[in-house]
Amino acid sequence: MERSAVILAVSSSTKFIGDKGLLDLQGKLLINHVIDAIKCLVDEIIVVTSSQERAAFYKKVVSSEVKFIINYDESEGLLAGASAGFEAAQGEYSALLPFDSPFVSQDVMNLLFECSIGKAAVIPRSTDMECQLLHAVYHTKQALHAAKEALKENEVDLQAMIKKLHGVRYMSMMVIEQIDPDLKTFFTIKSTFDMKKAEVMKTPRKTFKTKEVTKRKR
């Protein structure tokens, strides 16, 4: 097995009523937007969540091929979730993704996978040095080892894992913009306002040509 996807389904924001992963965005649940975006690129999909109850809800609405790991200590932050996912993953390389990014680009993720060969990780990074650690590809075993070492030191941030990796490739956002001009891949739903924004982003824009065709039909 070459490629895995680890999707972190962390606790829902207090800004939402119910589970954020089960929010509907134009007829599709938020978690399924992420799963559908990555499924054709990987050999397995692992969702890491915090309880059997949440996993049971998700199992009712996602593909039966999706695996669930309930081994996430929320007091240890995202690092514990990533570690649990990497430990379960069988692929040599694993994409790490959040469950609330509905516009993940297959082309962007495929580029990260292709550039990960021989590297400990491929991480998108902006010109101001901000890294997208939850939209990146990692060498599974190296990332797992680094995550466990960081957890032993009582770290909870993913950055602690990155510091222990050797051979990280940082992918410039300027390169990614050639594939994803608006960098929608990295958009995450953090509030009800973001959901409204996502609805607008998901709706196809009417071009001048489209408007002209519509007028002619009338």
N, C-alpha and C. Protein backbone atom coordinates (compact mmCIF):
# COMPACT_ATOMS: atom_id res chain seq x y z
N MET A 1 0.84 -1.19 0.00
CA MET A 1 0.00 0.00 0.00
C MET A 1 0.88 1.24 0.00
N GLU A 2 0.62 2.16 -0.92
CA GLU A 2 1.48 3.33 -1.06
C GLU A 2 0.94 4.58 -0.37
N ARG A 3 -0.36 4.83 -0.48
CA ARG A 3 -0.92 6.08 0.01
C ARG A 3 -2.10 5.88 0.96
N SER A 4 -2.09 6.65 2.02
CA SER A 4 -3.21 6.67 2.96
C SER A 4 -3.68 8.11 3.14
N ALA A 5 -4.88 8.26 3.66
CA ALA A 5 -5.38 9.58 4.05
C ALA A 5 -5.84 9.48 5.50
N VAL A 6 -5.37 10.39 6.31
CA VAL A 6 -5.78 10.46 7.72
C VAL A 6 -6.58 11.75 7.89
N ILE A 7 -7.85 11.61 8.22
CA ILE A 7 -8.73 12.77 8.39
C ILE A 7 -9.02 12.94 9.88
N LEU A 8 -8.67 14.08 10.41
CA LEU A 8 -8.89 14.34 11.83
C LEU A 8 -10.27 14.96 12.04
N ALA A 9 -11.15 14.21 12.68
CA ALA A 9 -12.49 14.70 13.02
C ALA A 9 -12.48 15.13 14.47
N VAL A 10 -12.02 16.33 14.71
CA VAL A 10 -11.91 16.84 16.08
C VAL A 10 -13.27 17.30 16.57
N SER A 11 -13.34 17.68 17.82
CA SER A 11 -14.62 18.09 18.41
C SER A 11 -15.24 19.24 17.63
N SER A 12 -16.54 19.23 17.55
CA SER A 12 -17.25 20.30 16.86
C SER A 12 -17.07 21.61 17.61
N SER A 13 -17.03 22.68 16.87
CA SER A 13 -16.92 24.01 17.46
C SER A 13 -18.17 24.33 18.26
N THR A 14 -18.01 25.08 19.34
CA THR A 14 -19.16 25.50 20.14
C THR A 14 -20.05 26.48 19.37
N LYS A 15 -19.55 26.94 18.22
CA LYS A 15 -20.33 27.87 17.40
C LYS A 15 -21.40 27.14 16.58
N PHE A 16 -21.35 25.81 16.62
CA PHE A 16 -22.32 25.02 15.86
C PHE A 16 -23.17 24.17 16.81
N ILE A 17 -24.40 23.94 16.41
CA ILE A 17 -25.27 23.02 17.15
C ILE A 17 -25.10 21.64 16.51
N GLY A 18 -24.65 20.69 17.28
CA GLY A 18 -24.43 19.36 16.74
C GLY A 18 -23.02 19.18 16.20
N ASP A 19 -22.83 18.11 15.45
CA ASP A 19 -21.51 17.74 14.94
C ASP A 19 -21.21 18.49 13.64
N LYS A 20 -20.09 19.20 13.62
CA LYS A 20 -19.75 20.00 12.45
C LYS A 20 -19.56 19.13 11.20
N GLY A 21 -19.04 17.94 11.37
CA GLY A 21 -18.82 17.06 10.22
C GLY A 21 -20.10 16.65 9.53
N LEU A 22 -21.24 16.78 10.23
CA LEU A 22 -22.52 16.38 9.68
C LEU A 22 -23.31 17.57 9.12
N LEU A 23 -22.68 18.73 9.05
CA LEU A 23 -23.33 19.89 8.45
C LEU A 23 -23.48 19.68 6.95
N ASP A 24 -24.58 20.14 6.41
CA ASP A 24 -24.88 19.97 5.00
C ASP A 24 -24.41 21.18 4.19
N LEU A 25 -23.60 20.92 3.19
CA LEU A 25 -23.15 21.97 2.28
C LEU A 25 -23.58 21.59 0.87
N GLN A 26 -24.63 22.21 0.41
CA GLN A 26 -25.20 21.96 -0.92
C GLN A 26 -25.44 20.47 -1.19
N GLY A 27 -26.12 19.84 -0.24
CA GLY A 27 -26.54 18.46 -0.44
C GLY A 27 -25.53 17.40 -0.08
N LYS A 28 -24.41 17.80 0.49
CA LYS A 28 -23.39 16.83 0.90
C LYS A 28 -22.84 17.21 2.26
N LEU A 29 -22.66 16.21 3.13
CA LEU A 29 -22.13 16.48 4.46
C LEU A 29 -20.68 16.92 4.37
N LEU A 30 -20.29 17.76 5.32
CA LEU A 30 -18.96 18.35 5.30
C LEU A 30 -17.86 17.30 5.25
N ILE A 31 -18.00 16.26 6.07
CA ILE A 31 -16.95 15.23 6.10
C ILE A 31 -16.86 14.50 4.76
N ASN A 32 -17.99 14.36 4.06
CA ASN A 32 -17.98 13.66 2.77
C ASN A 32 -17.35 14.50 1.67
N HIS A 33 -17.37 15.82 1.81
CA HIS A 33 -16.65 16.66 0.85
C HIS A 33 -15.16 16.32 0.88
N VAL A 34 -14.63 16.13 2.08
CA VAL A 34 -13.20 15.82 2.23
C VAL A 34 -12.91 14.40 1.74
N ILE A 35 -13.74 13.45 2.15
CA ILE A 35 -13.55 12.06 1.74
C ILE A 35 -13.60 11.92 0.22
N ASP A 36 -14.58 12.54 -0.41
CA ASP A 36 -14.74 12.42 -1.87
C ASP A 36 -13.57 13.07 -2.61
N ALA A 37 -12.98 14.10 -2.01
CA ALA A 37 -11.87 14.79 -2.67
C ALA A 37 -10.60 13.94 -2.68
N ILE A 38 -10.42 13.13 -1.66
CA ILE A 38 -9.14 12.42 -1.52
C ILE A 38 -9.22 10.93 -1.90
N LYS A 39 -10.43 10.37 -1.99
CA LYS A 39 -10.57 8.92 -2.11
C LYS A 39 -9.93 8.34 -3.37
N CYS A 40 -9.92 9.08 -4.48
CA CYS A 40 -9.36 8.53 -5.71
C CYS A 40 -7.82 8.58 -5.72
N LEU A 41 -7.23 9.21 -4.73
CA LEU A 41 -5.77 9.36 -4.70
C LEU A 41 -5.09 8.39 -3.74
N VAL A 42 -5.89 7.73 -2.89
CA VAL A 42 -5.29 6.91 -1.83
C VAL A 42 -5.84 5.49 -1.84
N ASP A 43 -5.13 4.63 -1.12
CA ASP A 43 -5.53 3.23 -1.01
C ASP A 43 -6.44 2.98 0.19
N GLU A 44 -6.42 3.90 1.14
CA GLU A 44 -7.27 3.77 2.32
C GLU A 44 -7.54 5.14 2.93
N ILE A 45 -8.67 5.26 3.60
CA ILE A 45 -9.03 6.49 4.31
C ILE A 45 -9.30 6.15 5.76
N ILE A 46 -8.65 6.86 6.65
CA ILE A 46 -8.81 6.66 8.09
C ILE A 46 -9.34 7.94 8.71
N VAL A 47 -10.44 7.83 9.43
CA VAL A 47 -10.98 8.98 10.16
C VAL A 47 -10.69 8.77 11.64
N VAL A 48 -10.02 9.73 12.22
CA VAL A 48 -9.70 9.67 13.65
C VAL A 48 -10.69 10.55 14.39
N THR A 49 -11.40 9.96 15.32
CA THR A 49 -12.37 10.73 16.09
C THR A 49 -12.29 10.35 17.57
N SER A 50 -13.10 11.04 18.38
CA SER A 50 -12.90 10.98 19.83
C SER A 50 -13.78 9.99 20.58
N SER A 51 -14.79 9.44 19.91
CA SER A 51 -15.68 8.53 20.64
C SER A 51 -16.35 7.54 19.71
N GLN A 52 -16.79 6.44 20.30
CA GLN A 52 -17.53 5.44 19.54
C GLN A 52 -18.84 6.03 19.02
N GLU A 53 -19.43 6.93 19.80
CA GLU A 53 -20.69 7.54 19.41
C GLU A 53 -20.55 8.36 18.13
N ARG A 54 -19.49 9.17 18.06
CA ARG A 54 -19.27 9.97 16.85
C ARG A 54 -18.97 9.07 15.66
N ALA A 55 -18.15 8.05 15.88
CA ALA A 55 -17.82 7.11 14.81
C ALA A 55 -19.08 6.42 14.28
N ALA A 56 -19.99 6.08 15.19
CA ALA A 56 -21.23 5.41 14.80
C ALA A 56 -22.09 6.31 13.91
N PHE A 57 -22.14 7.60 14.24
CA PHE A 57 -22.88 8.54 13.40
C PHE A 57 -22.25 8.64 12.01
N TYR A 58 -20.93 8.76 11.98
CA TYR A 58 -20.23 8.90 10.70
C TYR A 58 -20.38 7.66 9.83
N LYS A 59 -20.33 6.49 10.46
CA LYS A 59 -20.43 5.24 9.69
C LYS A 59 -21.74 5.13 8.93
N LYS A 60 -22.75 5.80 9.41
CA LYS A 60 -24.06 5.77 8.76
C LYS A 60 -24.09 6.61 7.48
N VAL A 61 -23.15 7.53 7.36
CA VAL A 61 -23.25 8.49 6.24
C VAL A 61 -22.05 8.49 5.31
N VAL A 62 -20.99 7.72 5.64
CA VAL A 62 -19.82 7.69 4.77
C VAL A 62 -19.69 6.30 4.12
N SER A 63 -18.77 6.20 3.19
CA SER A 63 -18.53 4.92 2.51
C SER A 63 -18.12 3.85 3.51
N SER A 64 -18.56 2.63 3.26
CA SER A 64 -18.23 1.51 4.16
C SER A 64 -16.74 1.19 4.16
N GLU A 65 -16.01 1.70 3.17
CA GLU A 65 -14.58 1.44 3.08
C GLU A 65 -13.76 2.32 4.02
N VAL A 66 -14.37 3.37 4.55
CA VAL A 66 -13.66 4.27 5.46
C VAL A 66 -13.44 3.58 6.81
N LYS A 67 -12.21 3.67 7.31
CA LYS A 67 -11.87 3.07 8.61
C LYS A 67 -11.93 4.15 9.69
N PHE A 68 -12.28 3.72 10.91
CA PHE A 68 -12.36 4.66 12.02
C PHE A 68 -11.42 4.26 13.15
N ILE A 69 -10.77 5.25 13.70
CA ILE A 69 -9.90 5.05 14.86
C ILE A 69 -10.44 5.91 15.99
N ILE A 70 -10.76 5.27 17.10
CA ILE A 70 -11.22 6.00 18.28
C ILE A 70 -10.10 5.91 19.31
N ASN A 71 -9.16 6.79 19.16
CA ASN A 71 -7.99 6.75 20.02
C ASN A 71 -7.43 8.16 20.14
N TYR A 72 -8.33 9.10 20.30
CA TYR A 72 -7.92 10.49 20.23
C TYR A 72 -8.12 11.16 21.58
N ASP A 73 -7.03 11.48 22.25
CA ASP A 73 -7.08 12.17 23.53
C ASP A 73 -7.08 13.66 23.26
N GLU A 74 -8.25 14.28 23.39
CA GLU A 74 -8.38 15.69 23.04
C GLU A 74 -7.51 16.60 23.91
N SER A 75 -7.16 16.14 25.10
CA SER A 75 -6.31 16.96 25.96
C SER A 75 -4.89 17.06 25.39
N GLU A 76 -4.55 16.18 24.47
CA GLU A 76 -3.23 16.20 23.85
C GLU A 76 -3.25 16.87 22.48
N GLY A 77 -4.38 17.49 22.12
CA GLY A 77 -4.46 18.27 20.89
C GLY A 77 -4.40 17.46 19.62
N LEU A 78 -4.14 18.17 18.51
CA LEU A 78 -4.12 17.54 17.20
C LEU A 78 -3.00 16.52 17.06
N LEU A 79 -1.94 16.71 17.81
CA LEU A 79 -0.79 15.81 17.72
C LEU A 79 -1.17 14.37 18.05
N ALA A 80 -1.99 14.19 19.08
CA ALA A 80 -2.42 12.84 19.46
C ALA A 80 -3.27 12.22 18.37
N GLY A 81 -4.13 13.02 17.75
CA GLY A 81 -4.96 12.50 16.66
C GLY A 81 -4.14 12.09 15.47
N ALA A 82 -3.16 12.91 15.12
CA ALA A 82 -2.28 12.58 14.00
C ALA A 82 -1.50 11.31 14.28
N SER A 83 -1.00 11.18 15.50
CA SER A 83 -0.23 10.00 15.88
C SER A 83 -1.08 8.74 15.77
N ALA A 84 -2.32 8.80 16.24
CA ALA A 84 -3.22 7.65 16.16
C ALA A 84 -3.50 7.28 14.71
N GLY A 85 -3.67 8.30 13.88
CA GLY A 85 -3.93 8.04 12.46
C GLY A 85 -2.73 7.43 11.75
N PHE A 86 -1.55 7.97 12.02
CA PHE A 86 -0.34 7.44 11.38
C PHE A 86 -0.08 6.00 11.83
N GLU A 87 -0.39 5.72 13.08
CA GLU A 87 -0.15 4.37 13.59
C GLU A 87 -1.05 3.36 12.90
N ALA A 88 -2.25 3.77 12.54
CA ALA A 88 -3.20 2.86 11.88
C ALA A 88 -2.97 2.78 10.37
N ALA A 89 -2.35 3.80 9.80
CA ALA A 89 -2.17 3.87 8.34
C ALA A 89 -1.17 2.82 7.85
N GLN A 90 -1.50 2.22 6.72
CA GLN A 90 -0.62 1.21 6.13
C GLN A 90 0.16 1.75 4.93
N GLY A 91 -0.23 2.91 4.44
CA GLY A 91 0.47 3.48 3.30
C GLY A 91 1.85 4.02 3.69
N GLU A 92 2.75 4.02 2.73
CA GLU A 92 4.09 4.56 3.00
C GLU A 92 4.01 6.06 3.26
N TYR A 93 3.10 6.72 2.55
CA TYR A 93 2.89 8.16 2.72
C TYR A 93 1.43 8.41 3.07
N SER A 94 1.20 9.40 3.93
CA SER A 94 -0.16 9.70 4.37
C SER A 94 -0.46 11.19 4.24
N ALA A 95 -1.62 11.48 3.65
CA ALA A 95 -2.12 12.85 3.62
C ALA A 95 -2.83 13.09 4.95
N LEU A 96 -2.53 14.22 5.58
CA LEU A 96 -3.19 14.58 6.82
C LEU A 96 -4.14 15.74 6.52
N LEU A 97 -5.43 15.54 6.82
CA LEU A 97 -6.44 16.54 6.46
C LEU A 97 -7.43 16.75 7.60
N PRO A 98 -7.99 17.95 7.70
CA PRO A 98 -9.08 18.19 8.66
C PRO A 98 -10.40 17.78 8.04
N PHE A 99 -11.41 17.58 8.88
CA PHE A 99 -12.72 17.13 8.35
C PHE A 99 -13.61 18.27 7.92
N ASP A 100 -13.10 19.50 8.05
CA ASP A 100 -13.95 20.66 7.76
C ASP A 100 -13.38 21.54 6.65
N SER A 101 -12.72 20.93 5.68
CA SER A 101 -12.20 21.64 4.50
C SER A 101 -12.92 21.12 3.26
N PRO A 102 -13.99 21.77 2.85
CA PRO A 102 -14.84 21.24 1.77
C PRO A 102 -14.31 21.43 0.36
N PHE A 103 -13.20 22.16 0.20
CA PHE A 103 -12.73 22.46 -1.15
C PHE A 103 -11.33 21.90 -1.44
N VAL A 104 -10.99 20.81 -0.78
CA VAL A 104 -9.68 20.18 -1.01
C VAL A 104 -9.54 19.81 -2.48
N SER A 105 -8.44 20.25 -3.09
CA SER A 105 -8.20 20.00 -4.51
C SER A 105 -7.46 18.68 -4.70
N GLN A 106 -8.01 17.83 -5.56
CA GLN A 106 -7.34 16.58 -5.88
C GLN A 106 -5.99 16.84 -6.54
N ASP A 107 -5.93 17.85 -7.40
CA ASP A 107 -4.68 18.16 -8.09
C ASP A 107 -3.60 18.61 -7.11
N VAL A 108 -4.00 19.42 -6.14
CA VAL A 108 -3.02 19.90 -5.14
C VAL A 108 -2.51 18.73 -4.31
N MET A 109 -3.41 17.90 -3.84
CA MET A 109 -3.00 16.78 -2.99
C MET A 109 -2.16 15.77 -3.78
N ASN A 110 -2.49 15.57 -5.05
CA ASN A 110 -1.70 14.66 -5.87
C ASN A 110 -0.28 15.20 -6.07
N LEU A 111 -0.18 16.52 -6.25
CA LEU A 111 1.14 17.14 -6.36
C LEU A 111 1.96 16.92 -5.10
N LEU A 112 1.34 17.09 -3.95
CA LEU A 112 2.04 16.88 -2.68
C LEU A 112 2.51 15.43 -2.55
N PHE A 113 1.65 14.50 -2.95
CA PHE A 113 2.04 13.09 -2.90
C PHE A 113 3.22 12.83 -3.83
N GLU A 114 3.15 13.35 -5.03
CA GLU A 114 4.22 13.10 -6.00
C GLU A 114 5.56 13.70 -5.55
N CYS A 115 5.49 14.80 -4.85
CA CYS A 115 6.71 15.47 -4.38
C CYS A 115 7.22 14.92 -3.05
N SER A 116 6.48 13.98 -2.47
CA SER A 116 6.86 13.45 -1.16
C SER A 116 7.88 12.31 -1.22
N ILE A 117 8.09 11.76 -2.41
CA ILE A 117 9.00 10.62 -2.54
C ILE A 117 10.38 10.97 -2.02
N GLY A 118 10.85 10.19 -1.06
CA GLY A 118 12.17 10.41 -0.50
C GLY A 118 12.24 11.51 0.54
N LYS A 119 11.08 12.08 0.90
CA LYS A 119 11.04 13.15 1.88
C LYS A 119 10.26 12.72 3.13
N ALA A 120 10.55 13.39 4.22
CA ALA A 120 9.82 13.11 5.46
C ALA A 120 8.43 13.73 5.42
N ALA A 121 8.29 14.80 4.66
CA ALA A 121 6.99 15.46 4.53
C ALA A 121 7.05 16.49 3.41
N VAL A 122 5.90 16.80 2.87
CA VAL A 122 5.76 17.94 1.94
C VAL A 122 4.67 18.82 2.53
N ILE A 123 5.05 20.04 2.89
CA ILE A 123 4.15 20.94 3.61
C ILE A 123 4.01 22.25 2.85
N PRO A 124 2.79 22.64 2.51
CA PRO A 124 2.58 23.94 1.86
C PRO A 124 2.97 25.08 2.81
N ARG A 125 3.64 26.09 2.25
CA ARG A 125 4.07 27.22 3.08
C ARG A 125 3.94 28.53 2.32
N SER A 126 3.37 29.54 2.97
CA SER A 126 3.17 30.85 2.35
C SER A 126 4.45 31.67 2.42
N THR A 127 4.45 32.82 1.75
CA THR A 127 5.63 33.68 1.71
C THR A 127 5.96 34.26 3.09
N ASP A 128 4.95 34.32 3.98
CA ASP A 128 5.22 34.81 5.34
C ASP A 128 5.53 33.65 6.30
N MET A 129 5.87 32.49 5.71
CA MET A 129 6.34 31.31 6.43
C MET A 129 5.25 30.58 7.23
N GLU A 130 3.99 30.86 6.92
CA GLU A 130 2.90 30.13 7.58
C GLU A 130 2.72 28.78 6.89
N CYS A 131 2.75 27.71 7.69
CA CYS A 131 2.67 26.36 7.15
C CYS A 131 1.28 25.76 7.33
N GLN A 132 0.87 24.98 6.35
CA GLN A 132 -0.42 24.28 6.40
C GLN A 132 -0.17 22.83 6.79
N LEU A 133 -0.02 22.60 8.09
CA LEU A 133 0.34 21.26 8.58
C LEU A 133 -0.80 20.25 8.45
N LEU A 134 -2.04 20.75 8.36
CA LEU A 134 -3.19 19.86 8.22
C LEU A 134 -3.63 19.67 6.78
N HIS A 135 -2.86 20.18 5.86
CA HIS A 135 -3.10 19.93 4.43
C HIS A 135 -1.76 19.56 3.82
N ALA A 136 -1.19 18.49 4.32
CA ALA A 136 0.17 18.11 3.94
C ALA A 136 0.27 16.60 3.79
N VAL A 137 1.39 16.15 3.25
CA VAL A 137 1.65 14.72 3.09
C VAL A 137 2.91 14.35 3.86
N TYR A 138 2.84 13.24 4.60
CA TYR A 138 3.94 12.83 5.47
C TYR A 138 4.38 11.40 5.16
N HIS A 139 5.66 11.15 5.36
CA HIS A 139 6.14 9.77 5.35
C HIS A 139 5.60 9.14 6.63
N THR A 140 4.75 8.14 6.52
CA THR A 140 3.96 7.66 7.65
C THR A 140 4.81 7.24 8.85
N LYS A 141 5.79 6.40 8.62
CA LYS A 141 6.59 5.88 9.75
C LYS A 141 7.42 6.97 10.40
N GLN A 142 8.01 7.85 9.59
CA GLN A 142 8.81 8.92 10.16
C GLN A 142 7.94 9.89 10.96
N ALA A 143 6.77 10.20 10.43
CA ALA A 143 5.86 11.10 11.13
C ALA A 143 5.36 10.48 12.43
N LEU A 144 5.07 9.19 12.40
CA LEU A 144 4.62 8.49 13.60
C LEU A 144 5.69 8.54 14.69
N HIS A 145 6.92 8.25 14.30
CA HIS A 145 8.02 8.28 15.28
C HIS A 145 8.19 9.68 15.86
N ALA A 146 8.14 10.69 14.99
CA ALA A 146 8.31 12.07 15.45
C ALA A 146 7.15 12.49 16.35
N ALA A 147 5.94 12.08 16.02
CA ALA A 147 4.77 12.42 16.82
C ALA A 147 4.86 11.79 18.21
N LYS A 148 5.25 10.52 18.26
CA LYS A 148 5.36 9.84 19.55
C LYS A 148 6.44 10.47 20.42
N GLU A 149 7.55 10.85 19.81
CA GLU A 149 8.62 11.50 20.57
C GLU A 149 8.14 12.83 21.13
N ALA A 150 7.39 13.57 20.33
CA ALA A 150 6.87 14.87 20.78
C ALA A 150 5.86 14.69 21.90
N LEU A 151 5.02 13.66 21.80
CA LEU A 151 4.03 13.40 22.84
C LEU A 151 4.70 13.02 24.16
N LYS A 152 5.81 12.31 24.09
CA LYS A 152 6.54 11.96 25.30
C LYS A 152 7.04 13.20 26.04
N GLU A 153 7.24 14.26 25.28
CA GLU A 153 7.71 15.52 25.85
C GLU A 153 6.54 16.43 26.21
N ASN A 154 5.33 15.84 26.24
CA ASN A 154 4.11 16.55 26.61
C ASN A 154 3.74 17.67 25.64
N GLU A 155 4.14 17.53 24.40
CA GLU A 155 3.77 18.50 23.37
C GLU A 155 2.37 18.17 22.85
N VAL A 156 1.66 19.19 22.40
CA VAL A 156 0.32 18.96 21.85
C VAL A 156 0.17 19.55 20.46
N ASP A 157 1.14 20.32 20.03
CA ASP A 157 1.07 21.01 18.75
C ASP A 157 1.76 20.21 17.66
N LEU A 158 1.18 20.21 16.47
CA LEU A 158 1.78 19.49 15.34
C LEU A 158 3.18 20.03 15.01
N GLN A 159 3.42 21.29 15.29
CA GLN A 159 4.72 21.89 14.99
C GLN A 159 5.84 21.16 15.71
N ALA A 160 5.54 20.61 16.88
CA ALA A 160 6.55 19.85 17.64
C ALA A 160 6.97 18.60 16.88
N MET A 161 6.02 17.99 16.16
CA MET A 161 6.34 16.83 15.33
C MET A 161 7.21 17.23 14.15
N ILE A 162 6.88 18.35 13.53
CA ILE A 162 7.64 18.82 12.37
C ILE A 162 9.09 19.08 12.73
N LYS A 163 9.32 19.63 13.90
CA LYS A 163 10.68 19.95 14.34
C LYS A 163 11.55 18.71 14.47
N LYS A 164 10.92 17.55 14.62
CA LYS A 164 11.67 16.30 14.79
C LYS A 164 11.83 15.53 13.47
N LEU A 165 11.28 16.07 12.40
CA LEU A 165 11.41 15.43 11.09
C LEU A 165 12.63 15.96 10.36
N HIS A 166 13.31 15.08 9.67
CA HIS A 166 14.49 15.47 8.89
C HIS A 166 14.21 15.22 7.41
N GLY A 167 14.39 16.24 6.59
CA GLY A 167 14.13 16.10 5.16
C GLY A 167 12.74 16.54 4.77
N VAL A 168 12.28 17.65 5.36
CA VAL A 168 10.97 18.19 5.03
C VAL A 168 11.08 19.10 3.80
N ARG A 169 10.19 18.91 2.85
CA ARG A 169 10.13 19.79 1.68
C ARG A 169 8.96 20.76 1.86
N TYR A 170 9.24 22.05 1.76
CA TYR A 170 8.20 23.06 1.88
C TYR A 170 7.78 23.51 0.49
N MET A 171 6.49 23.38 0.23
CA MET A 171 5.93 23.71 -1.08
C MET A 171 5.41 25.15 -1.07
N SER A 172 5.96 25.98 -1.93
CA SER A 172 5.54 27.38 -1.99
C SER A 172 4.08 27.51 -2.42
N MET A 173 3.37 28.39 -1.76
CA MET A 173 1.99 28.66 -2.14
C MET A 173 1.89 29.21 -3.57
N MET A 174 2.96 29.85 -4.02
CA MET A 174 2.96 30.38 -5.39
C MET A 174 2.89 29.25 -6.40
N VAL A 175 3.47 28.10 -6.06
CA VAL A 175 3.38 26.92 -6.92
C VAL A 175 1.95 26.37 -6.88
N ILE A 176 1.41 26.27 -5.67
CA ILE A 176 0.06 25.72 -5.50
C ILE A 176 -0.99 26.60 -6.17
N GLU A 177 -0.76 27.90 -6.20
CA GLU A 177 -1.70 28.82 -6.83
C GLU A 177 -1.84 28.57 -8.33
N GLN A 178 -0.85 27.94 -8.93
CA GLN A 178 -0.94 27.61 -10.35
C GLN A 178 -2.01 26.55 -10.58
N ILE A 179 -2.29 25.76 -9.55
CA ILE A 179 -3.30 24.70 -9.64
C ILE A 179 -4.61 25.13 -8.99
N ASP A 180 -4.49 25.83 -7.88
CA ASP A 180 -5.63 26.26 -7.09
C ASP A 180 -5.52 27.77 -6.87
N PRO A 181 -5.91 28.57 -7.86
CA PRO A 181 -5.67 30.03 -7.85
C PRO A 181 -6.18 30.74 -6.60
N ASP A 182 -7.30 30.31 -6.07
CA ASP A 182 -7.87 30.97 -4.89
C ASP A 182 -7.48 30.28 -3.59
N LEU A 183 -6.63 29.26 -3.69
CA LEU A 183 -6.17 28.50 -2.51
C LEU A 183 -7.35 27.99 -1.67
N LYS A 184 -8.39 27.55 -2.36
CA LYS A 184 -9.58 27.05 -1.67
C LYS A 184 -9.28 25.79 -0.85
N THR A 185 -8.27 25.04 -1.26
CA THR A 185 -7.92 23.80 -0.56
C THR A 185 -7.79 24.02 0.94
N PHE A 186 -7.28 25.16 1.33
CA PHE A 186 -6.95 25.42 2.73
C PHE A 186 -8.07 26.11 3.51
N PHE A 187 -9.20 26.33 2.85
CA PHE A 187 -10.34 26.97 3.53
C PHE A 187 -10.99 25.98 4.48
N THR A 188 -11.17 26.39 5.73
CA THR A 188 -11.81 25.53 6.74
C THR A 188 -13.02 26.23 7.34
N ILE A 189 -13.98 25.41 7.75
CA ILE A 189 -15.21 25.93 8.34
C ILE A 189 -15.01 26.07 9.85
N LYS A 190 -14.91 27.30 10.31
CA LYS A 190 -14.71 27.54 11.74
C LYS A 190 -15.90 28.23 12.40
N SER A 191 -16.81 28.73 11.61
CA SER A 191 -17.95 29.46 12.17
C SER A 191 -19.14 29.36 11.22
N THR A 192 -20.29 29.83 11.68
CA THR A 192 -21.48 29.85 10.82
C THR A 192 -21.27 30.80 9.64
N PHE A 193 -20.48 31.84 9.86
CA PHE A 193 -20.17 32.76 8.75
C PHE A 193 -19.38 32.03 7.67
N ASP A 194 -18.46 31.16 8.08
CA ASP A 194 -17.68 30.38 7.11
C ASP A 194 -18.59 29.46 6.30
N MET A 195 -19.64 28.92 6.93
CA MET A 195 -20.58 28.07 6.20
C MET A 195 -21.30 28.87 5.13
N LYS A 196 -21.69 30.09 5.47
CA LYS A 196 -22.37 30.94 4.48
C LYS A 196 -21.40 31.30 3.35
N LYS A 197 -20.16 31.55 3.72
CA LYS A 197 -19.14 31.86 2.72
C LYS A 197 -18.91 30.66 1.81
N ALA A 198 -18.89 29.46 2.40
CA ALA A 198 -18.68 28.25 1.62
C ALA A 198 -19.82 28.03 0.62
N GLU A 199 -21.05 28.36 1.02
CA GLU A 199 -22.19 28.25 0.11
C GLU A 199 -21.99 29.11 -1.12
N VAL A 200 -21.47 30.32 -0.90
CA VAL A 200 -21.20 31.23 -2.01
C VAL A 200 -20.06 30.70 -2.87
N MET A 201 -19.01 30.20 -2.21
CA MET A 201 -17.86 29.67 -2.93
C MET A 201 -18.22 28.45 -3.77
N LYS A 202 -19.17 27.68 -3.27
CA LYS A 202 -19.57 26.44 -3.95
C LYS A 202 -20.46 26.71 -5.16
N THR A 203 -21.12 27.86 -5.16
CA THR A 203 -22.02 28.20 -6.27
C THR A 203 -21.22 28.68 -7.47
N PRO A 204 -21.39 28.07 -8.63
CA PRO A 204 -20.64 28.48 -9.82
C PRO A 204 -20.87 29.95 -10.16
N ARG A 205 -19.81 30.65 -10.48
CA ARG A 205 -19.94 32.06 -10.84
C ARG A 205 -20.54 32.21 -12.23
N LYS A 206 -21.39 33.21 -12.39
CA LYS A 206 -21.96 33.50 -13.70
C LYS A 206 -21.00 34.41 -14.47
N THR A 207 -20.52 33.89 -15.57
CA THR A 207 -19.63 34.69 -16.41
C THR A 207 -20.46 35.53 -17.36
N PHE A 208 -19.81 36.45 -18.05
CA PHE A 208 -20.49 37.30 -19.04
C PHE A 208 -21.13 36.43 -20.12
N LYS A 209 -20.40 35.39 -20.52
CA LYS A 209 -20.90 34.50 -21.56
C LYS A 209 -22.16 33.77 -21.10
N THR A 210 -22.14 33.33 -19.82
CA THR A 210 -23.28 32.63 -19.27
C THR A 210 -24.50 33.52 -19.23
N LYS A 211 -24.30 34.79 -18.85
CA LYS A 211 -25.40 35.74 -18.78
C LYS A 211 -26.00 35.99 -20.17
N GLU A 212 -25.13 36.05 -21.20
CA GLU A 212 -25.60 36.28 -22.55
C GLU A 212 -26.47 35.12 -23.04
N VAL A 213 -26.03 33.88 -22.71
CA VAL A 213 -26.78 32.69 -23.10
C VAL A 213 -28.14 32.70 -22.43
N THR A 214 -28.15 33.07 -21.13
CA THR A 214 -29.40 33.11 -20.37
C THR A 214 -30.38 34.11 -20.99
N LYS A 215 -29.87 35.26 -21.41
CA LYS A 215 -30.72 36.28 -22.03
C LYS A 215 -31.33 35.77 -23.33
N ARG A 216 -30.54 35.06 -24.12
CA ARG A 216 -31.00 34.55 -25.41
C ARG A 216 -32.13 33.52 -25.22
N LYS A 217 -32.00 32.72 -24.16
CA LYS A 217 -33.01 31.70 -23.91
C LYS A 217 -34.35 32.35 -23.56
N ARG A 218 -34.25 33.49 -22.91
CA ARG A 218 -35.48 34.21 -22.56
C ARG A 218 -36.15 34.77 -23.82
